Amino acid sequence: MKSRFFKAALAVVSACTLMACCTEKENKAAAQGAATPATQSATETASATQQTKDENMNKLTLTAEWDKVFPKSDKVEHSKVTFKNHFGIELAADMFVPKDTSLKVNGKFPAIAVSGPFGAVKEQSSGLYAQQMAERGFLTIAFDPSFTGESGGEPRYMNSPDINTEDFMASVDFLSTRDNVDPERIGIIGICGWGGMAINAAGIDTRVKATVASTMYDMSRVSANGYFDAANNAEARNEARKALMAQRTKDFKNGTYDLAGGVVDPLPDDAPYFVKDYYAYYKTPRGYHKRSLNSNKGWAASASTSLLNTKLLAYADEIRNPVLIIHGEKAHSRYFGEGAFEKMTGKKANVPAKLDATKNWSKTVGNKELLVIPGASHVDLYDNLEKIPFEKLNEFFKTNLK
């Protein structure tokens, strides 16, 4: 756990473990909401942006060009929308509507809200998931969480288990009040760190009729315990608290917010495999995006304060509606999904030591399911269309959003 590579990897998901600082100029820009990856795009692509006056797209400047890391589908209509959460933060989302209107029931679509991974933007994995599900007959939105991407919220690059859970609930607010959506048929998908947020949201929001957590992290667990729970002791947490508080004092004194650093770059040859996986997605044309925290300077260094002090999934065992957790067999994060499944069901996951490469492994308890994809890594479930079981997702949502 003291390896610099583990620290660099954890910077993707927990800012308190890597106190890498930017230059003074970059810090001031981050604190003021200017000259950062999230706001540079408005200047760099001014000719390709729009300030819309539509009632659902109020104050945010949104990129008009197709700037996703995946190709645009000709089977769906795409547009930008915005909506506010209960903290008054304006969220930006891509909306995908199936062109095939025969998929409606009584003039309305079932709907799905998608977000994640942790430190990504909607132009990456969540948008891919949303577009794929829209091709299958669901009206979908992929939203940027508060303080990130094209969404509002100051200071930038912060996170909160409460606010980010609320972001999912706000997406349900938005979907449930649309004329072309059936409010009784709404589901959510959370990817990576937003998988845990999605399950947390399902624990409070009874309007969510079905939930998928794909390649999930429990962000509060990894922030408090370190990777693989290797720092799960009071002394280690106290050291993390002291480092965070020192960072807060520094930020307040300087009037800046240091950034923790995104995915390690350049990539050392002897980096752990999952760090290489992150690099292959976030730092190459495959998944790089100029507004993505993980592709650039990362979260604010003090951002994980709330995650270290608040446990997600507290009422996961009281979720009555269906939940599907999907993980890759080789995902370093698989233990988070197994832990969430055990929390919800009271039953051990008991994933076989070796899976049959010809079929997925699944365990179902009641209406909760853990699905493990043979041979898949954590990042495979970000964008690998041969590994992400979209037909399983289609079946799951069509069965439970009817």
Foldseek 3Di string as FASTA:
>chain_A
DPDVLLLLACLQQALLSFQDFDDPVVFLCLQVVHPALQHVCCVVVVVQWDQDVPPFRHGFIDGNDLPALDDDDPQWDWDKGWFAFPVRWIKIKIKTAGPPQVLADPQAFQEEEEEDDRQFACSFQRVVLQNLVNSLTHTYIYIDAEQAHRIYHPSHQADALVRRLRVRVRVLVVQLPDPRHPQQQYAYEYEAQGLLSRLLNLLPDVSHQEYEYELYAQSLQCNQQNQPSVNVDPVSLVVSVVSLVVQVVVCVVSVGFTFRAAQDPPDDPPRPPVSVLLCVADQDSSHDDSRGQNNTRGGGSNRCPNSPVDGTCPRSLVRDHAYEYEHEPAESRVVRVQVSLCSNAVDGPCDDPADDQVDWDWDDDDRYMYIYHYPDYSNCCSDVPVGPPSVVVSVSSVVRRD
